[in-house]
Amino acid sequence: MQKQRTEYRERLTPSLWILVSAAVVGPMAALVLAPLDPTLALVVGAIVGALFIAALVLLSPVVEVSGGVLRAGRARIGLEWVGEPTPLTAEDARQARGPGLARASWLLIRGGIDGLVVVPLEDPDDPVVSWVISTRTPDRLAAAIERSRAYAQSRQMSPTESS
């Protein structure tokens, strides 16, 4: 069995400032235990701080294009059902996240990540009209979706059409 090639993969980790802010959890845990035993407080504080930051990173959603499927967090869709993706940055991304957001869109938006890719859906039976996905590299994600989408659509052709 041949392994599917991953076209794109990105973990939407929190920004550095959020991770630094989360590191405050460790000293807070140490302060709680300081009256009992200062050494224990330092050890527990360090462990709690490290575990909290690790949880923030490891539980961050992943965006992936692989094997003709777009995965965004826990959601997934075959690329034969999507239209041409639109990469957005700066003011265009802000508009798409706010006033320009379609009510029937599915969202994977993360604070601190400026870029977006809007992926329209072409399934008439799906009540969702588009996916709006945060990404640090919107051009790369859109290009990966487009490459895999073209490949998925070429595989959908029946033998009589390809002749």
C-alpha atoms as a PDB file:
ATOM      1  CA  MET A   1       0.000   0.000   0.000  1.00  0.00           C
ATOM      2  CA  GLN A   2       1.425   3.359  -1.060  1.00  0.00           C
ATOM      3  CA  LYS A   3       1.431   6.172   1.479  1.00  0.00           C
ATOM      4  CA  GLN A   4      -0.365   9.364   0.444  1.00  0.00           C
ATOM      5  CA  ARG A   5       1.881  12.391  -0.020  1.00  0.00           C
ATOM      6  CA  THR A   6       1.136  15.349   2.231  1.00  0.00           C
ATOM      7  CA  GLU A   7       0.880  18.519   0.151  1.00  0.00           C
ATOM      8  CA  TYR A   8       0.561  20.885   3.102  1.00  0.00           C
ATOM      9  CA  ARG A   9       0.540  20.633   6.891  1.00  0.00           C
ATOM     10  CA  GLU A  10       0.411  23.364   9.512  1.00  0.00           C
ATOM     11  CA  ARG A  11      -0.290  23.277  13.229  1.00  0.00           C
ATOM     12  CA  LEU A  12      -2.106  26.446  14.295  1.00  0.00           C
ATOM     13  CA  THR A  13      -0.112  26.935  17.479  1.00  0.00           C
ATOM     14  CA  PRO A  14      -0.687  29.942  19.716  1.00  0.00           C
ATOM     15  CA  SER A  15       1.522  32.972  19.178  1.00  0.00           C
ATOM     16  CA  LEU A  16       4.687  33.425  21.201  1.00  0.00           C
ATOM     17  CA  TRP A  17       3.020  36.087  23.357  1.00  0.00           C
ATOM     18  CA  ILE A  18       0.200  33.731  24.305  1.00  0.00           C
ATOM     19  CA  LEU A  19       2.710  31.025  25.221  1.00  0.00           C
ATOM     20  CA  VAL A  20       4.722  33.490  27.324  1.00  0.00           C
ATOM     21  CA  SER A  21       1.514  34.622  29.035  1.00  0.00           C
ATOM     22  CA  ALA A  22       0.534  31.001  29.670  1.00  0.00           C
ATOM     23  CA  ALA A  23       3.884  30.414  31.360  1.00  0.00           C
ATOM     24  CA  VAL A  24       2.545  32.468  34.282  1.00  0.00           C
ATOM     25  CA  VAL A  25       0.522  29.403  35.303  1.00  0.00           C
ATOM     26  CA  GLY A  26       3.690  27.754  36.628  1.00  0.00           C
ATOM     27  CA  PRO A  27       4.621  30.494  39.125  1.00  0.00           C
ATOM     28  CA  MET A  28       0.968  30.751  40.208  1.00  0.00           C
ATOM     29  CA  ALA A  29       0.936  27.025  41.043  1.00  0.00           C
ATOM     30  CA  ALA A  30       4.243  27.453  42.883  1.00  0.00           C
ATOM     31  CA  LEU A  31       2.811  30.297  44.981  1.00  0.00           C
ATOM     32  CA  VAL A  32      -0.033  28.087  46.150  1.00  0.00           C
ATOM     33  CA  LEU A  33       2.391  25.464  47.473  1.00  0.00           C
ATOM     34  CA  ALA A  34       5.143  27.825  48.703  1.00  0.00           C
ATOM     35  CA  PRO A  35       3.863  27.953  52.319  1.00  0.00           C
ATOM     36  CA  LEU A  36       4.017  24.134  52.531  1.00  0.00           C
ATOM     37  CA  ASP A  37       7.424  23.451  51.002  1.00  0.00           C
ATOM     38  CA  PRO A  38       9.427  25.858  48.782  1.00  0.00           C
ATOM     39  CA  THR A  39      11.273  23.049  46.972  1.00  0.00           C
ATOM     40  CA  LEU A  40       8.052  21.198  46.220  1.00  0.00           C
ATOM     41  CA  ALA A  41       6.506  24.487  45.076  1.00  0.00           C
ATOM     42  CA  LEU A  42       9.313  25.090  42.559  1.00  0.00           C
ATOM     43  CA  VAL A  43       9.123  21.562  41.169  1.00  0.00           C
ATOM     44  CA  VAL A  44       5.335  21.542  40.888  1.00  0.00           C
ATOM     45  CA  GLY A  45       5.331  25.052  39.397  1.00  0.00           C
ATOM     46  CA  ALA A  46       7.838  24.055  36.710  1.00  0.00           C
ATOM     47  CA  ILE A  47       5.915  20.887  35.867  1.00  0.00           C
ATOM     48  CA  VAL A  48       2.539  22.650  35.746  1.00  0.00           C
ATOM     49  CA  GLY A  49       3.929  25.446  33.559  1.00  0.00           C
ATOM     50  CA  ALA A  50       5.577  22.997  31.140  1.00  0.00           C
ATOM     51  CA  LEU A  51       2.452  20.802  30.928  1.00  0.00           C
ATOM     52  CA  PHE A  52       0.194  23.799  30.312  1.00  0.00           C
ATOM     53  CA  ILE A  53       2.358  25.110  27.464  1.00  0.00           C
ATOM     54  CA  ALA A  54       2.708  21.592  26.000  1.00  0.00           C
ATOM     55  CA  ALA A  55      -1.077  21.183  26.095  1.00  0.00           C
ATOM     56  CA  LEU A  56      -1.587  24.505  24.285  1.00  0.00           C
ATOM     57  CA  VAL A  57       0.769  23.420  21.513  1.00  0.00           C
ATOM     58  CA  LEU A  58      -0.267  19.772  21.210  1.00  0.00           C
ATOM     59  CA  LEU A  59      -4.006  20.492  21.295  1.00  0.00           C
ATOM     60  CA  SER A  60      -3.761  23.130  18.566  1.00  0.00           C
ATOM     61  CA  PRO A  61      -5.696  22.236  15.404  1.00  0.00           C
ATOM     62  CA  VAL A  62      -3.878  21.021  12.313  1.00  0.00           C
ATOM     63  CA  VAL A  63      -4.616  22.090   8.734  1.00  0.00           C
ATOM     64  CA  GLU A  64      -3.566  19.461   6.201  1.00  0.00           C
ATOM     65  CA  VAL A  65      -3.979  18.711   2.521  1.00  0.00           C
ATOM     66  CA  SER A  66      -3.207  15.071   1.833  1.00  0.00           C
ATOM     67  CA  GLY A  67      -4.573  12.258  -0.290  1.00  0.00           C
ATOM     68  CA  GLY A  68      -7.268  14.359  -1.948  1.00  0.00           C
ATOM     69  CA  VAL A  69      -8.661  15.461   1.429  1.00  0.00           C
ATOM     70  CA  LEU A  70      -8.614  18.818   3.203  1.00  0.00           C
ATOM     71  CA  ARG A  71      -8.459  18.493   6.991  1.00  0.00           C
ATOM     72  CA  ALA A  72      -8.991  21.493   9.229  1.00  0.00           C
ATOM     73  CA  GLY A  73      -9.038  20.557  12.884  1.00  0.00           C
ATOM     74  CA  ARG A  74     -11.371  17.573  13.222  1.00  0.00           C
ATOM     75  CA  ALA A  75     -13.300  18.381  10.031  1.00  0.00           C
ATOM     76  CA  ARG A  76     -12.437  16.875   6.663  1.00  0.00           C
ATOM     77  CA  ILE A  77     -13.732  17.126   3.124  1.00  0.00           C
ATOM     78  CA  GLY A  78     -12.808  15.515  -0.175  1.00  0.00           C
ATOM     79  CA  LEU A  79     -11.264  18.049  -2.540  1.00  0.00           C
ATOM     80  CA  GLU A  80     -13.614  17.050  -5.343  1.00  0.00           C
ATOM     81  CA  TRP A  81     -16.300  19.000  -3.412  1.00  0.00           C
ATOM     82  CA  VAL A  82     -14.420  22.308  -3.111  1.00  0.00           C
ATOM     83  CA  GLY A  83     -14.044  25.270  -5.416  1.00  0.00           C
ATOM     84  CA  GLU A  84     -11.079  27.529  -6.034  1.00  0.00           C
ATOM     85  CA  PRO A  85      -9.577  28.699  -2.720  1.00  0.00           C
ATOM     86  CA  THR A  86      -8.987  32.401  -2.053  1.00  0.00           C
ATOM     87  CA  PRO A  87      -5.960  33.376   0.068  1.00  0.00           C
ATOM     88  CA  LEU A  88      -6.453  36.557   2.108  1.00  0.00           C
ATOM     89  CA  THR A  89      -4.172  38.707   4.267  1.00  0.00           C
ATOM     90  CA  ALA A  90      -4.294  42.020   6.133  1.00  0.00           C
ATOM     91  CA  GLU A  91      -7.480  44.064   5.569  1.00  0.00           C
ATOM     92  CA  ASP A  92      -9.017  41.482   3.207  1.00  0.00           C
ATOM     93  CA  ALA A  93      -8.650  38.782   5.879  1.00  0.00           C
ATOM     94  CA  ARG A  94     -10.130  41.067   8.546  1.00  0.00           C
ATOM     95  CA  GLN A  95     -13.109  41.772   6.285  1.00  0.00           C
ATOM     96  CA  ALA A  96     -13.603  38.038   5.577  1.00  0.00           C
ATOM     97  CA  ARG A  97     -13.467  37.218   9.324  1.00  0.00           C
ATOM     98  CA  GLY A  98     -15.898  39.968  10.250  1.00  0.00           C
ATOM     99  CA  PRO A  99     -18.443  41.864   8.164  1.00  0.00           C
ATOM    100  CA  GLY A 100     -17.849  39.791   5.008  1.00  0.00           C
ATOM    101  CA  LEU A 101     -18.298  36.434   6.728  1.00  0.00           C
ATOM    102  CA  ALA A 102     -21.048  34.305   5.208  1.00  0.00           C
ATOM    103  CA  ARG A 103     -23.527  33.114   7.820  1.00  0.00           C
ATOM    104  CA  ALA A 104     -23.411  29.541   6.497  1.00  0.00           C
ATOM    105  CA  SER A 105     -19.605  29.249   6.573  1.00  0.00           C
ATOM    106  CA  TRP A 106     -17.683  26.681   8.597  1.00  0.00           C
ATOM    107  CA  LEU A 107     -14.875  28.322  10.589  1.00  0.00           C
ATOM    108  CA  LEU A 108     -11.470  27.422  11.903  1.00  0.00           C
ATOM    109  CA  ILE A 109     -10.283  30.849  13.001  1.00  0.00           C
ATOM    110  CA  ARG A 110      -7.450  31.383  15.458  1.00  0.00           C
ATOM    111  CA  GLY A 111      -6.552  34.688  17.094  1.00  0.00           C
ATOM    112  CA  GLY A 112      -3.052  35.916  16.402  1.00  0.00           C
ATOM    113  CA  ILE A 113      -2.977  34.309  12.940  1.00  0.00           C
ATOM    114  CA  ASP A 114      -3.596  36.998  10.336  1.00  0.00           C
ATOM    115  CA  GLY A 115      -3.934  34.996   7.118  1.00  0.00           C
ATOM    116  CA  LEU A 116      -7.046  33.204   5.903  1.00  0.00           C
ATOM    117  CA  VAL A 117      -8.063  30.924   3.094  1.00  0.00           C
ATOM    118  CA  VAL A 118     -11.701  30.871   2.034  1.00  0.00           C
ATOM    119  CA  VAL A 119     -12.617  27.595   0.349  1.00  0.00           C
ATOM    120  CA  PRO A 120     -16.035  27.571  -1.372  1.00  0.00           C
ATOM    121  CA  LEU A 121     -17.955  24.280  -1.379  1.00  0.00           C
ATOM    122  CA  GLU A 122     -19.571  22.983  -4.557  1.00  0.00           C
ATOM    123  CA  ASP A 123     -21.821  20.336  -3.036  1.00  0.00           C
ATOM    124  CA  PRO A 124     -25.440  21.463  -3.584  1.00  0.00           C
ATOM    125  CA  ASP A 125     -26.638  19.229  -0.710  1.00  0.00           C
ATOM    126  CA  ASP A 126     -24.254  20.760   1.852  1.00  0.00           C
ATOM    127  CA  PRO A 127     -25.754  23.633   3.883  1.00  0.00           C
ATOM    128  CA  VAL A 128     -22.231  25.019   4.412  1.00  0.00           C
ATOM    129  CA  VAL A 129     -21.245  27.415   1.624  1.00  0.00           C
ATOM    130  CA  SER A 130     -17.533  27.740   2.439  1.00  0.00           C
ATOM    131  CA  TRP A 131     -14.740  26.921   4.843  1.00  0.00           C
ATOM    132  CA  VAL A 132     -12.841  29.854   6.368  1.00  0.00           C
ATOM    133  CA  ILE A 133      -9.470  28.635   7.658  1.00  0.00           C
ATOM    134  CA  SER A 134      -6.773  30.572   9.518  1.00  0.00           C
ATOM    135  CA  THR A 135      -3.231  30.007   8.268  1.00  0.00           C
ATOM    136  CA  ARG A 136       0.134  31.697   8.548  1.00  0.00           C
ATOM    137  CA  THR A 137       0.843  30.963   4.865  1.00  0.00           C
ATOM    138  CA  PRO A 138      -2.394  31.524   2.901  1.00  0.00           C
ATOM    139  CA  ASP A 139      -0.725  31.400  -0.518  1.00  0.00           C
ATOM    140  CA  ARG A 140       0.900  28.027   0.197  1.00  0.00           C
ATOM    141  CA  LEU A 141      -2.316  26.503   1.567  1.00  0.00           C
ATOM    142  CA  ALA A 142      -4.377  27.783  -1.380  1.00  0.00           C
ATOM    143  CA  ALA A 143      -1.799  26.440  -3.857  1.00  0.00           C
ATOM    144  CA  ALA A 144      -1.769  23.017  -2.165  1.00  0.00           C
ATOM    145  CA  ILE A 145      -5.574  22.854  -2.216  1.00  0.00           C
ATOM    146  CA  GLU A 146      -5.636  23.856  -5.885  1.00  0.00           C
ATOM    147  CA  ARG A 147      -3.004  21.252  -6.883  1.00  0.00           C
ATOM    148  CA  SER A 148      -4.744  18.457  -4.978  1.00  0.00           C
ATOM    149  CA  ARG A 149      -8.173  19.599  -6.178  1.00  0.00           C
ATOM    150  CA  ALA A 150      -7.080  19.424  -9.822  1.00  0.00           C
ATOM    151  CA  TYR A 151      -5.658  15.955  -9.218  1.00  0.00           C
ATOM    152  CA  ALA A 152      -8.817  14.769  -7.397  1.00  0.00           C
ATOM    153  CA  GLN A 153     -11.037  16.077 -10.193  1.00  0.00           C
ATOM    154  CA  SER A 154      -8.901  14.367 -12.856  1.00  0.00           C
ATOM    155  CA  ARG A 155      -9.328  11.057 -11.012  1.00  0.00           C
ATOM    156  CA  GLN A 156     -13.138  11.538 -10.996  1.00  0.00           C
ATOM    157  CA  MET A 157     -13.311  11.271 -14.788  1.00  0.00           C
ATOM    158  CA  SER A 158     -14.846   8.036 -16.018  1.00  0.00           C
ATOM    159  CA  PRO A 159     -12.872   5.798 -18.437  1.00  0.00           C
ATOM    160  CA  THR A 160     -15.088   6.878 -21.368  1.00  0.00           C
ATOM    161  CA  GLU A 161     -14.400  10.580 -20.709  1.00  0.00           C
ATOM    162  CA  SER A 162     -10.648  10.080 -20.551  1.00  0.00           C
ATOM    163  CA  SER A 163     -10.487   8.325 -23.920  1.00  0.00           C
END
